[in-house]
Amino acid sequence: MRVARFYDFGDIRVEDAPRPEPGPGQIVVRATACGICSGDIMPWYMRRKAPLVLGHEPVGVVAATGSGVTDFKPGDRVFAHHHAPCFQCAACRRGEYVQCATWRATNLRPGGMAEYFLVETPNLRDTLKLPDHIDDANGVLIEPAACVVKSLARAGLKKRESILIIGLGIMGMMHVKIARDLGAGFIIGADLFETRAARARELGADAAIVVEGDNLVEQLREVTNGAMTDVVIVGPGSSRAISTGIACAGKGATVVQFTATPPEEEMLVKPHDLYFNETRLVPSYSCGPDETRAALKLVERGVINARELVTHRYAFERISDAYAAAQTPQSLKVIVTFGA
């Protein structure tokens, strides 16, 4: 079989690899589509992992099952999450699935950008059958939508509250869509590009700010008559963006760090201001089984849909072109499709 292996930016190779065979309690899935995650285009994040087979947003068809598998059979269309928890440890009992050692250790083998991939026994806990009316392009949106479901839950967004979403790539646009579905009162997007700002308005944002230099805080103050917002989602993975997000927070607001920063980055915070403004700074990392199931329901209801969010589709043979497209401001969701 063929896999797409990342060596560096501009160096993604389609290579041959052995097709996996299922052992007891495992399944093998023939991939039909896989999304390119926004994390896949973060240089510091990807280069430390290289070389690796890309892809953790796949959907496909069960090709083979190992002994003892009863919930899945060949021919089932599935979404498979690359991480899954044990449901038994202290972290799982608190619902903090991403802190589970099993969650951190699990993965799809060799990855989602492969003609076939192995789903090991723990990952079957977060493998979902796709309804017939959910096509591949929509199935690919489950994992990223689940990350947004978790983000907004950790933000504690309530009906009629205001929210600022910094960064209007695919994850920012999903925040707009899901925040609107949750009943947010006033949704504001912010991005460097007018085209993305305009798209956010089309998808449900009440206002969208085009950022120039360091004027986001000033522009937000004007838009909100000085109130700022109840929730701030910081999409870009930088300490500068997080600091800006804190400055955009209203009294008693929650600021969500949605993306990891490079490990060496540090940030200067004034605890005095956090204390008297009662600003909550909350990270939101990935997602777990509760969120993937909620995301599937959002896809089924059409709140999250490929028609609005998928901008580029490429055949697997054009993986390098797909990866390049994902790095442009014109793209939202880029997906790769596999032939029969």
Foldseek 3Di string as FASTA:
>chain_A
DWFWWDAAQVDIDTDDDDADDEEAQKWKWQWFKFWADPQNPDHVSPNVVPGAGDGFLTKGFTCDYYPPDDPHDGGFIKTWGFFAAPCPDPCNVVVNRCPHPRRVPGGWVRHRRGRMIMQHNRRVVQMDTAPPVQDGLLSSCLQLLLLLVQQVVQQVDAAQFEEEEEDQAQSSLSNLLVSVVRHHNAYEYEEQDPVSQVLSVVLHHPGYYNDDDLCPQVVQCVVVVNQQGQEYEQADAALVSQVSSVSRHGQLHEYEDEDHHPPVHDHDDDVVCCVVSVYHYHYRDGHHNVSSVVSSVCSVVVSDDCVSFADEEEESVVVSVQSVVSPDPVHHMYMYGYDD
